[in-house]
Amino acid sequence: MADATAYNTMTLAQQGSSDAVFDVVLWVIVLIIAVVVLGVVLMQLRRIMRENDDSQTKGLMLDDLRKLRNEGHLSPEEYQRAVDAIAQRMGTPGGVDKGSQSAE
């Protein structure tokens, strides 16, 4: 009878430890999935925000430069150097805004 009780106790302990291992493995998998999903969401948000920032900054800066040139605060040469510097940062060869200089 003592042997049966000892065997039952060992079996219950083994079941308890295997349940605990299963729980730990399950939660590790859940956490990994949550981190991956969060990473994908953050990457998408970052991409969206970068696209919005680039388009707004580019237009705003060129408009500001045109305004300064038209008001006489910038010479045409200074204006063209600034436009070329912006174009170079953006990876566009040559001046982005050469047409508007002669049109205005």
C-alpha atoms as a PDB file:
ATOM      1  CA  MET A   1       0.000   0.000   0.000  1.00  0.00           C
ATOM      2  CA  ALA A   2       2.862   2.389   0.743  1.00  0.00           C
ATOM      3  CA  ASP A   3       4.258   1.662  -2.717  1.00  0.00           C
ATOM      4  CA  ALA A   4       0.949   2.563  -4.368  1.00  0.00           C
ATOM      5  CA  THR A   5       0.711   5.823  -2.433  1.00  0.00           C
ATOM      6  CA  ALA A   6       4.285   6.754  -3.339  1.00  0.00           C
ATOM      7  CA  TYR A   7       3.611   5.918  -7.012  1.00  0.00           C
ATOM      8  CA  ASN A   8       0.433   8.040  -7.046  1.00  0.00           C
ATOM      9  CA  THR A   9       2.306  10.943  -5.454  1.00  0.00           C
ATOM     10  CA  MET A  10       5.084  10.722  -8.069  1.00  0.00           C
ATOM     11  CA  THR A  11       2.553  10.535 -10.901  1.00  0.00           C
ATOM     12  CA  LEU A  12       0.724  13.610  -9.630  1.00  0.00           C
ATOM     13  CA  ALA A  13       4.024  15.499  -9.280  1.00  0.00           C
ATOM     14  CA  GLN A  14       5.023  14.573 -12.834  1.00  0.00           C
ATOM     15  CA  GLN A  15       1.639  15.691 -14.175  1.00  0.00           C
ATOM     16  CA  GLY A  16       1.943  18.963 -12.296  1.00  0.00           C
ATOM     17  CA  SER A  17       5.412  19.657 -13.672  1.00  0.00           C
ATOM     18  CA  SER A  18       4.398  18.760 -17.236  1.00  0.00           C
ATOM     19  CA  ASP A  19       1.379  21.087 -16.918  1.00  0.00           C
ATOM     20  CA  ALA A  20       3.659  23.850 -15.674  1.00  0.00           C
ATOM     21  CA  VAL A  21       6.072  23.314 -18.582  1.00  0.00           C
ATOM     22  CA  PHE A  22       3.154  23.395 -21.016  1.00  0.00           C
ATOM     23  CA  ASP A  23       1.891  26.651 -19.481  1.00  0.00           C
ATOM     24  CA  VAL A  24       5.331  28.251 -19.712  1.00  0.00           C
ATOM     25  CA  VAL A  25       5.794  27.161 -23.328  1.00  0.00           C
ATOM     26  CA  LEU A  26       2.319  28.415 -24.215  1.00  0.00           C
ATOM     27  CA  TRP A  27       2.940  31.843 -22.690  1.00  0.00           C
ATOM     28  CA  VAL A  28       6.347  32.131 -24.352  1.00  0.00           C
ATOM     29  CA  ILE A  29       4.718  31.452 -27.733  1.00  0.00           C
ATOM     30  CA  VAL A  30       1.976  33.997 -26.993  1.00  0.00           C
ATOM     31  CA  LEU A  31       4.572  36.626 -26.037  1.00  0.00           C
ATOM     32  CA  ILE A  32       6.645  35.971 -29.160  1.00  0.00           C
ATOM     33  CA  ILE A  33       3.572  36.382 -31.361  1.00  0.00           C
ATOM     34  CA  ALA A  34       2.595  39.578 -29.536  1.00  0.00           C
ATOM     35  CA  VAL A  35       6.084  41.050 -29.992  1.00  0.00           C
ATOM     36  CA  VAL A  36       6.119  40.187 -33.705  1.00  0.00           C
ATOM     37  CA  VAL A  37       2.664  41.704 -34.256  1.00  0.00           C
ATOM     38  CA  LEU A  38       3.627  44.838 -32.331  1.00  0.00           C
ATOM     39  CA  GLY A  39       6.837  45.144 -34.351  1.00  0.00           C
ATOM     40  CA  VAL A  40       4.945  44.912 -37.641  1.00  0.00           C
ATOM     41  CA  VAL A  41       2.432  47.532 -36.491  1.00  0.00           C
ATOM     42  CA  LEU A  42       5.207  49.895 -35.398  1.00  0.00           C
ATOM     43  CA  MET A  43       7.064  49.454 -38.696  1.00  0.00           C
ATOM     44  CA  GLN A  44       3.901  50.305 -40.637  1.00  0.00           C
ATOM     45  CA  LEU A  45       3.247  53.386 -38.497  1.00  0.00           C
ATOM     46  CA  ARG A  46       6.832  54.516 -38.931  1.00  0.00           C
ATOM     47  CA  ARG A  47       6.609  54.087 -42.716  1.00  0.00           C
ATOM     48  CA  ILE A  48       3.365  56.072 -42.854  1.00  0.00           C
ATOM     49  CA  MET A  49       4.746  58.850 -40.678  1.00  0.00           C
ATOM     50  CA  ARG A  50       7.967  59.114 -42.697  1.00  0.00           C
ATOM     51  CA  GLU A  51       6.009  59.416 -45.960  1.00  0.00           C
ATOM     52  CA  ASN A  52       3.868  62.205 -44.496  1.00  0.00           C
ATOM     53  CA  ASP A  53       6.857  64.059 -43.019  1.00  0.00           C
ATOM     54  CA  ASP A  54       8.860  63.935 -46.264  1.00  0.00           C
ATOM     55  CA  SER A  55       6.097  65.327 -48.456  1.00  0.00           C
ATOM     56  CA  GLN A  56       5.134  68.106 -46.040  1.00  0.00           C
ATOM     57  CA  THR A  57       8.710  69.182 -45.349  1.00  0.00           C
ATOM     58  CA  LYS A  58       9.710  69.234 -49.013  1.00  0.00           C
ATOM     59  CA  GLY A  59       6.787  71.418 -50.083  1.00  0.00           C
ATOM     60  CA  LEU A  60       7.039  73.723 -47.118  1.00  0.00           C
ATOM     61  CA  MET A  61      10.744  74.346 -47.563  1.00  0.00           C
ATOM     62  CA  LEU A  62      10.504  75.072 -51.286  1.00  0.00           C
ATOM     63  CA  ASP A  63       7.527  77.368 -50.719  1.00  0.00           C
ATOM     64  CA  ASP A  64       9.436  79.199 -48.002  1.00  0.00           C
ATOM     65  CA  LEU A  65      12.464  79.581 -50.265  1.00  0.00           C
ATOM     66  CA  ARG A  66      10.301  80.923 -53.115  1.00  0.00           C
ATOM     67  CA  LYS A  67       8.670  83.385 -50.754  1.00  0.00           C
ATOM     68  CA  LEU A  68      12.045  84.589 -49.433  1.00  0.00           C
ATOM     69  CA  ARG A  69      13.355  84.957 -53.004  1.00  0.00           C
ATOM     70  CA  ASN A  70      10.245  86.830 -54.160  1.00  0.00           C
ATOM     71  CA  GLU A  71      10.403  89.178 -51.166  1.00  0.00           C
ATOM     72  CA  GLY A  72      14.057  89.929 -51.903  1.00  0.00           C
ATOM     73  CA  HIS A  73      15.514  88.261 -48.823  1.00  0.00           C
ATOM     74  CA  LEU A  74      17.375  85.744 -51.009  1.00  0.00           C
ATOM     75  CA  SER A  75      19.263  86.453 -54.201  1.00  0.00           C
ATOM     76  CA  PRO A  76      18.564  84.168 -57.164  1.00  0.00           C
ATOM     77  CA  GLU A  77      21.967  82.552 -56.648  1.00  0.00           C
ATOM     78  CA  GLU A  78      21.296  81.875 -52.955  1.00  0.00           C
ATOM     79  CA  TYR A  79      17.891  80.496 -53.847  1.00  0.00           C
ATOM     80  CA  GLN A  80      19.338  78.142 -56.452  1.00  0.00           C
ATOM     81  CA  ARG A  81      22.065  76.925 -54.062  1.00  0.00           C
ATOM     82  CA  ALA A  82      19.407  76.175 -51.434  1.00  0.00           C
ATOM     83  CA  VAL A  83      17.217  74.346 -53.950  1.00  0.00           C
ATOM     84  CA  ASP A  84      20.211  72.330 -55.176  1.00  0.00           C
ATOM     85  CA  ALA A  85      21.123  71.422 -51.576  1.00  0.00           C
ATOM     86  CA  ILE A  86      17.563  70.195 -50.941  1.00  0.00           C
ATOM     87  CA  ALA A  87      17.609  68.246 -54.194  1.00  0.00           C
ATOM     88  CA  GLN A  88      20.913  66.642 -53.277  1.00  0.00           C
ATOM     89  CA  ARG A  89      19.590  65.582 -49.850  1.00  0.00           C
ATOM     90  CA  MET A  90      16.549  64.063 -51.515  1.00  0.00           C
ATOM     91  CA  GLY A  91      18.681  62.263 -54.079  1.00  0.00           C
ATOM     92  CA  THR A  92      17.315  64.214 -57.045  1.00  0.00           C
ATOM     93  CA  PRO A  93      19.950  65.247 -59.574  1.00  0.00           C
ATOM     94  CA  GLY A  94      20.072  68.948 -60.415  1.00  0.00           C
ATOM     95  CA  GLY A  95      17.766  71.661 -59.238  1.00  0.00           C
ATOM     96  CA  VAL A  96      14.235  70.623 -58.435  1.00  0.00           C
ATOM     97  CA  ASP A  97      12.759  74.069 -58.927  1.00  0.00           C
ATOM     98  CA  LYS A  98      14.566  75.585 -61.926  1.00  0.00           C
ATOM     99  CA  GLY A  99      11.345  76.131 -63.872  1.00  0.00           C
ATOM    100  CA  SER A 100       9.625  78.210 -61.198  1.00  0.00           C
ATOM    101  CA  GLN A 101      12.576  80.613 -60.973  1.00  0.00           C
ATOM    102  CA  SER A 102      12.045  81.916 -64.501  1.00  0.00           C
ATOM    103  CA  ALA A 103       8.237  81.697 -64.272  1.00  0.00           C
ATOM    104  CA  GLU A 104       7.940  83.977 -61.233  1.00  0.00           C
END
